[in-house]
Amino acid sequence: MTKKELGQIIKERRRTQAISQRVLADYTGLSVVTLSQIEGGKANPSFDTLNEILHYLNLEIKLELRQ
């Protein structure tokens, strides 16, 4: 999954739940600008930041190890 695809999922979920960027940014401690960059696929959030965003949006990360 690319940063752009991940950002689109975050943006769509946030909008579906009628959550503003300001509310999500405040919860995660990010600026609205940084959150916008993440949603636009232009920023590379840390795992902890991504986990906070996904937790608030009731999404989860699933890792698959390939051999």
PDB file of N, CA and C in Angstrom:
ATOM      1  N   MET A   1       0.845  -1.174   0.000  1.00  0.00           N
ATOM      2  CA  MET A   1       0.000   0.000   0.000  1.00  0.00           C
ATOM      3  C   MET A   1       0.892   1.240   0.000  1.00  0.00           C
ATOM      4  N   THR A   2       0.553   2.195  -0.803  1.00  0.00           N
ATOM      5  CA  THR A   2       1.330   3.427  -0.882  1.00  0.00           C
ATOM      6  C   THR A   2       0.844   4.440   0.155  1.00  0.00           C
ATOM      7  N   LYS A   3       1.654   5.469   0.367  1.00  0.00           N
ATOM      8  CA  LYS A   3       1.252   6.549   1.283  1.00  0.00           C
ATOM      9  C   LYS A   3      -0.024   7.219   0.792  1.00  0.00           C
ATOM     10  N   LYS A   4      -0.139   7.357  -0.511  1.00  0.00           N
ATOM     11  CA  LYS A   4      -1.314   8.012  -1.088  1.00  0.00           C
ATOM     12  C   LYS A   4      -2.575   7.173  -0.844  1.00  0.00           C
ATOM     13  N   GLU A   5      -2.470   5.863  -1.022  1.00  0.00           N
ATOM     14  CA  GLU A   5      -3.619   4.982  -0.772  1.00  0.00           C
ATOM     15  C   GLU A   5      -4.012   5.002   0.706  1.00  0.00           C
ATOM     16  N   LEU A   6      -3.029   4.946   1.575  1.00  0.00           N
ATOM     17  CA  LEU A   6      -3.296   4.988   3.010  1.00  0.00           C
ATOM     18  C   LEU A   6      -3.958   6.310   3.401  1.00  0.00           C
ATOM     19  N   GLY A   7      -3.438   7.396   2.871  1.00  0.00           N
ATOM     20  CA  GLY A   7      -4.021   8.709   3.143  1.00  0.00           C
ATOM     21  C   GLY A   7      -5.462   8.802   2.691  1.00  0.00           C
ATOM     22  N   GLN A   8      -5.757   8.208   1.542  1.00  0.00           N
ATOM     23  CA  GLN A   8      -7.128   8.228   1.018  1.00  0.00           C
ATOM     24  C   GLN A   8      -8.071   7.444   1.929  1.00  0.00           C
ATOM     25  N   ILE A   9      -7.600   6.310   2.442  1.00  0.00           N
ATOM     26  CA  ILE A   9      -8.414   5.515   3.366  1.00  0.00           C
ATOM     27  C   ILE A   9      -8.714   6.320   4.637  1.00  0.00           C
ATOM     28  N   ILE A  10      -7.685   6.977   5.160  1.00  0.00           N
ATOM     29  CA  ILE A  10      -7.867   7.799   6.365  1.00  0.00           C
ATOM     30  C   ILE A  10      -8.870   8.916   6.102  1.00  0.00           C
ATOM     31  N   LYS A  11      -8.704   9.598   5.000  1.00  0.00           N
ATOM     32  CA  LYS A  11      -9.585  10.715   4.653  1.00  0.00           C
ATOM     33  C   LYS A  11     -11.034  10.256   4.476  1.00  0.00           C
ATOM     34  N   GLU A  12     -11.230   9.167   3.739  1.00  0.00           N
ATOM     35  CA  GLU A  12     -12.582   8.668   3.508  1.00  0.00           C
ATOM     36  C   GLU A  12     -13.249   8.235   4.811  1.00  0.00           C
ATOM     37  N   ARG A  13     -12.493   7.554   5.664  1.00  0.00           N
ATOM     38  CA  ARG A  13     -13.052   7.088   6.939  1.00  0.00           C
ATOM     39  C   ARG A  13     -13.411   8.282   7.831  1.00  0.00           C
ATOM     40  N   ARG A  14     -12.521   9.273   7.862  1.00  0.00           N
ATOM     41  CA  ARG A  14     -12.770  10.467   8.671  1.00  0.00           C
ATOM     42  C   ARG A  14     -14.042  11.159   8.197  1.00  0.00           C
ATOM     43  N   ARG A  15     -14.196  11.296   6.900  1.00  0.00           N
ATOM     44  CA  ARG A  15     -15.384  11.952   6.358  1.00  0.00           C
ATOM     45  C   ARG A  15     -16.649  11.130   6.604  1.00  0.00           C
ATOM     46  N   THR A  16     -16.559   9.812   6.456  1.00  0.00           N
ATOM     47  CA  THR A  16     -17.699   8.928   6.703  1.00  0.00           C
ATOM     48  C   THR A  16     -18.201   9.069   8.129  1.00  0.00           C
ATOM     49  N   GLN A  17     -17.272   9.249   9.051  1.00  0.00           N
ATOM     50  CA  GLN A  17     -17.640   9.392  10.457  1.00  0.00           C
ATOM     51  C   GLN A  17     -17.912  10.846  10.840  1.00  0.00           C
ATOM     52  N   ALA A  18     -17.892  11.732   9.865  1.00  0.00           N
ATOM     53  CA  ALA A  18     -18.173  13.160  10.079  1.00  0.00           C
ATOM     54  C   ALA A  18     -17.247  13.767  11.134  1.00  0.00           C
ATOM     55  N   ILE A  19     -15.964  13.444  11.013  1.00  0.00           N
ATOM     56  CA  ILE A  19     -14.940  13.982  11.921  1.00  0.00           C
ATOM     57  C   ILE A  19     -14.137  15.023  11.149  1.00  0.00           C
ATOM     58  N   SER A  20     -13.987  16.190  11.710  1.00  0.00           N
ATOM     59  CA  SER A  20     -13.217  17.234  11.032  1.00  0.00           C
ATOM     60  C   SER A  20     -11.720  16.960  11.184  1.00  0.00           C
ATOM     61  N   GLN A  21     -10.949  17.555  10.288  1.00  0.00           N
ATOM     62  CA  GLN A  21      -9.498  17.444  10.408  1.00  0.00           C
ATOM     63  C   GLN A  21      -9.038  18.036  11.734  1.00  0.00           C
ATOM     64  N   ARG A  22      -9.653  19.111  12.169  1.00  0.00           N
ATOM     65  CA  ARG A  22      -9.281  19.762  13.428  1.00  0.00           C
ATOM     66  C   ARG A  22      -9.452  18.810  14.609  1.00  0.00           C
ATOM     67  N   VAL A  23     -10.565  18.112  14.661  1.00  0.00           N
ATOM     68  CA  VAL A  23     -10.835  17.185  15.770  1.00  0.00           C
ATOM     69  C   VAL A  23      -9.804  16.053  15.764  1.00  0.00           C
ATOM     70  N   LEU A  24      -9.555  15.464  14.610  1.00  0.00           N
ATOM     71  CA  LEU A  24      -8.586  14.373  14.526  1.00  0.00           C
ATOM     72  C   LEU A  24      -7.176  14.871  14.813  1.00  0.00           C
ATOM     73  N   ALA A  25      -6.843  16.039  14.321  1.00  0.00           N
ATOM     74  CA  ALA A  25      -5.519  16.611  14.589  1.00  0.00           C
ATOM     75  C   ALA A  25      -5.332  16.863  16.088  1.00  0.00           C
ATOM     76  N   ASP A  26      -6.338  17.419  16.729  1.00  0.00           N
ATOM     77  CA  ASP A  26      -6.255  17.664  18.173  1.00  0.00           C
ATOM     78  C   ASP A  26      -6.065  16.363  18.944  1.00  0.00           C
ATOM     79  N   TYR A  27      -6.797  15.323  18.568  1.00  0.00           N
ATOM     80  CA  TYR A  27      -6.695  14.036  19.255  1.00  0.00           C
ATOM     81  C   TYR A  27      -5.292  13.446  19.132  1.00  0.00           C
ATOM     82  N   THR A  28      -4.710  13.558  17.959  1.00  0.00           N
ATOM     83  CA  THR A  28      -3.405  12.939  17.702  1.00  0.00           C
ATOM     84  C   THR A  28      -2.231  13.842  18.051  1.00  0.00           C
ATOM     85  N   GLY A  29      -2.506  15.123  18.322  1.00  0.00           N
ATOM     86  CA  GLY A  29      -1.429  16.058  18.619  1.00  0.00           C
ATOM     87  C   GLY A  29      -0.729  16.580  17.376  1.00  0.00           C
ATOM     88  N   LEU A  30      -1.345  16.364  16.222  1.00  0.00           N
ATOM     89  CA  LEU A  30      -0.780  16.855  14.960  1.00  0.00           C
ATOM     90  C   LEU A  30      -1.374  18.217  14.625  1.00  0.00           C
ATOM     91  N   SER A  31      -0.716  18.919  13.729  1.00  0.00           N
ATOM     92  CA  SER A  31      -1.322  20.129  13.187  1.00  0.00           C
ATOM     93  C   SER A  31      -2.266  19.707  12.060  1.00  0.00           C
ATOM     94  N   VAL A  32      -3.201  20.572  11.738  1.00  0.00           N
ATOM     95  CA  VAL A  32      -4.120  20.293  10.627  1.00  0.00           C
ATOM     96  C   VAL A  32      -3.323  20.174   9.329  1.00  0.00           C
ATOM     97  N   VAL A  33      -2.291  20.965   9.182  1.00  0.00           N
ATOM     98  CA  VAL A  33      -1.452  20.909   7.978  1.00  0.00           C
ATOM     99  C   VAL A  33      -0.799  19.537   7.840  1.00  0.00           C
ATOM    100  N   THR A  34      -0.243  19.020   8.931  1.00  0.00           N
ATOM    101  CA  THR A  34       0.399  17.706   8.886  1.00  0.00           C
ATOM    102  C   THR A  34      -0.618  16.620   8.576  1.00  0.00           C
ATOM    103  N   LEU A  35      -1.792  16.673   9.201  1.00  0.00           N
ATOM    104  CA  LEU A  35      -2.831  15.689   8.922  1.00  0.00           C
ATOM    105  C   LEU A  35      -3.252  15.759   7.458  1.00  0.00           C
ATOM    106  N   SER A  36      -3.384  16.945   6.938  1.00  0.00           N
ATOM    107  CA  SER A  36      -3.729  17.120   5.526  1.00  0.00           C
ATOM    108  C   SER A  36      -2.656  16.504   4.619  1.00  0.00           C
ATOM    109  N   GLN A  37      -1.403  16.674   4.986  1.00  0.00           N
ATOM    110  CA  GLN A  37      -0.310  16.085   4.207  1.00  0.00           C
ATOM    111  C   GLN A  37      -0.352  14.562   4.269  1.00  0.00           C
ATOM    112  N   ILE A  38      -0.685  14.010   5.411  1.00  0.00           N
ATOM    113  CA  ILE A  38      -0.817  12.553   5.539  1.00  0.00           C
ATOM    114  C   ILE A  38      -1.956  12.066   4.656  1.00  0.00           C
ATOM    115  N   GLU A  39      -3.093  12.739   4.718  1.00  0.00           N
ATOM    116  CA  GLU A  39      -4.241  12.350   3.899  1.00  0.00           C
ATOM    117  C   GLU A  39      -3.953  12.503   2.410  1.00  0.00           C
ATOM    118  N   GLY A  40      -3.090  13.438   2.061  1.00  0.00           N
ATOM    119  CA  GLY A  40      -2.732  13.646   0.664  1.00  0.00           C
ATOM    120  C   GLY A  40      -1.590  12.768   0.184  1.00  0.00           C
ATOM    121  N   GLY A  41      -1.062  11.931   1.082  1.00  0.00           N
ATOM    122  CA  GLY A  41       0.028  11.036   0.710  1.00  0.00           C
ATOM    123  C   GLY A  41       1.370  11.721   0.592  1.00  0.00           C
ATOM    124  N   LYS A  42       1.500  12.898   1.189  1.00  0.00           N
ATOM    125  CA  LYS A  42       2.740  13.672   1.072  1.00  0.00           C
ATOM    126  C   LYS A  42       3.620  13.580   2.308  1.00  0.00           C
ATOM    127  N   ALA A  43       3.067  13.096   3.404  1.00  0.00           N
ATOM    128  CA  ALA A  43       3.837  12.972   4.645  1.00  0.00           C
ATOM    129  C   ALA A  43       4.021  11.497   4.965  1.00  0.00           C
ATOM    130  N   ASN A  44       5.057  11.227   5.719  1.00  0.00           N
ATOM    131  CA  ASN A  44       5.375   9.861   6.115  1.00  0.00           C
ATOM    132  C   ASN A  44       5.276   9.767   7.636  1.00  0.00           C
ATOM    133  N   PRO A  45       4.074   9.480   8.165  1.00  0.00           N
ATOM    134  CA  PRO A  45       3.897   9.476   9.621  1.00  0.00           C
ATOM    135  C   PRO A  45       4.641   8.326  10.281  1.00  0.00           C
ATOM    136  N   SER A  46       5.026   8.533  11.511  1.00  0.00           N
ATOM    137  CA  SER A  46       5.636   7.450  12.284  1.00  0.00           C
ATOM    138  C   SER A  46       4.573   6.385  12.556  1.00  0.00           C
ATOM    139  N   PHE A  47       5.018   5.210  12.944  1.00  0.00           N
ATOM    140  CA  PHE A  47       4.084   4.141  13.271  1.00  0.00           C
ATOM    141  C   PHE A  47       3.168   4.564  14.418  1.00  0.00           C
ATOM    142  N   ASP A  48       3.732   5.208  15.430  1.00  0.00           N
ATOM    143  CA  ASP A  48       2.930   5.642  16.578  1.00  0.00           C
ATOM    144  C   ASP A  48       1.853   6.641  16.166  1.00  0.00           C
ATOM    145  N   THR A  49       2.209   7.580  15.321  1.00  0.00           N
ATOM    146  CA  THR A  49       1.236   8.567  14.840  1.00  0.00           C
ATOM    147  C   THR A  49       0.152   7.883  14.027  1.00  0.00           C
ATOM    148  N   LEU A  50       0.552   7.021  13.131  1.00  0.00           N
ATOM    149  CA  LEU A  50      -0.409   6.285  12.311  1.00  0.00           C
ATOM    150  C   LEU A  50      -1.329   5.448  13.191  1.00  0.00           C
ATOM    151  N   ASN A  51      -0.779   4.818  14.187  1.00  0.00           N
ATOM    152  CA  ASN A  51      -1.573   4.002  15.098  1.00  0.00           C
ATOM    153  C   ASN A  51      -2.612   4.855  15.832  1.00  0.00           C
ATOM    154  N   GLU A  52      -2.237   6.057  16.269  1.00  0.00           N
ATOM    155  CA  GLU A  52      -3.178   6.963  16.936  1.00  0.00           C
ATOM    156  C   GLU A  52      -4.316   7.359  15.999  1.00  0.00           C
ATOM    157  N   ILE A  53      -3.978   7.697  14.771  1.00  0.00           N
ATOM    158  CA  ILE A  53      -4.999   8.085  13.786  1.00  0.00           C
ATOM    159  C   ILE A  53      -5.964   6.931  13.557  1.00  0.00           C
ATOM    160  N   LEU A  54      -5.420   5.757  13.307  1.00  0.00           N
ATOM    161  CA  LEU A  54      -6.260   4.601  13.006  1.00  0.00           C
ATOM    162  C   LEU A  54      -7.099   4.189  14.211  1.00  0.00           C
ATOM    163  N   HIS A  55      -6.544   4.307  15.403  1.00  0.00           N
ATOM    164  CA  HIS A  55      -7.299   3.977  16.613  1.00  0.00           C
ATOM    165  C   HIS A  55      -8.530   4.883  16.733  1.00  0.00           C
ATOM    166  N   TYR A  56      -8.335   6.174  16.523  1.00  0.00           N
ATOM    167  CA  TYR A  56      -9.445   7.120  16.631  1.00  0.00           C
ATOM    168  C   TYR A  56     -10.523   6.827  15.589  1.00  0.00           C
ATOM    169  N   LEU A  57     -10.094   6.378  14.411  1.00  0.00           N
ATOM    170  CA  LEU A  57     -11.026   6.097  13.319  1.00  0.00           C
ATOM    171  C   LEU A  57     -11.560   4.662  13.358  1.00  0.00           C
ATOM    172  N   ASN A  58     -11.180   3.922  14.405  1.00  0.00           N
ATOM    173  CA  ASN A  58     -11.598   2.530  14.564  1.00  0.00           C
ATOM    174  C   ASN A  58     -11.158   1.658  13.376  1.00  0.00           C
ATOM    175  N   LEU A  59      -9.914   1.848  12.983  1.00  0.00           N
ATOM    176  CA  LEU A  59      -9.281   1.035  11.951  1.00  0.00           C
ATOM    177  C   LEU A  59      -8.086   0.339  12.573  1.00  0.00           C
ATOM    178  N   GLU A  60      -7.603  -0.707  11.943  1.00  0.00           N
ATOM    179  CA  GLU A  60      -6.420  -1.381  12.462  1.00  0.00           C
ATOM    180  C   GLU A  60      -5.467  -1.737  11.337  1.00  0.00           C
ATOM    181  N   ILE A  61      -4.222  -1.923  11.728  1.00  0.00           N
ATOM    182  CA  ILE A  61      -3.172  -2.324  10.797  1.00  0.00           C
ATOM    183  C   ILE A  61      -2.992  -3.830  10.930  1.00  0.00           C
ATOM    184  N   LYS A  62      -2.924  -4.492   9.808  1.00  0.00           N
ATOM    185  CA  LYS A  62      -2.634  -5.920   9.806  1.00  0.00           C
ATOM    186  C   LYS A  62      -1.341  -6.123   9.019  1.00  0.00           C
ATOM    187  N   LEU A  63      -0.394  -6.747   9.679  1.00  0.00           N
ATOM    188  CA  LEU A  63       0.895  -7.017   9.037  1.00  0.00           C
ATOM    189  C   LEU A  63       0.934  -8.465   8.585  1.00  0.00           C
ATOM    190  N   GLU A  64       1.501  -8.671   7.428  1.00  0.00           N
ATOM    191  CA  GLU A  64       1.652 -10.017   6.898  1.00  0.00           C
ATOM    192  C   GLU A  64       3.125 -10.216   6.559  1.00  0.00           C
ATOM    193  N   LEU A  65       3.710 -11.237   7.119  1.00  0.00           N
ATOM    194  CA  LEU A  65       5.107 -11.543   6.824  1.00  0.00           C
ATOM    195  C   LEU A  65       5.167 -12.507   5.656  1.00  0.00           C
ATOM    196  N   ARG A  66       5.999 -12.180   4.692  1.00  0.00           N
ATOM    197  CA  ARG A  66       6.164 -13.041   3.520  1.00  0.00           C
ATOM    198  C   ARG A  66       7.532 -13.686   3.573  1.00  0.00           C
ATOM    199  N   GLN A  67       7.591 -14.899   3.080  1.00  0.00           N
ATOM    200  CA  GLN A  67       8.884 -15.599   3.060  1.00  0.00           C
ATOM    201  C   GLN A  67       9.306 -15.872   1.639  1.00  0.00           C
TER     202      GLN A  67
END
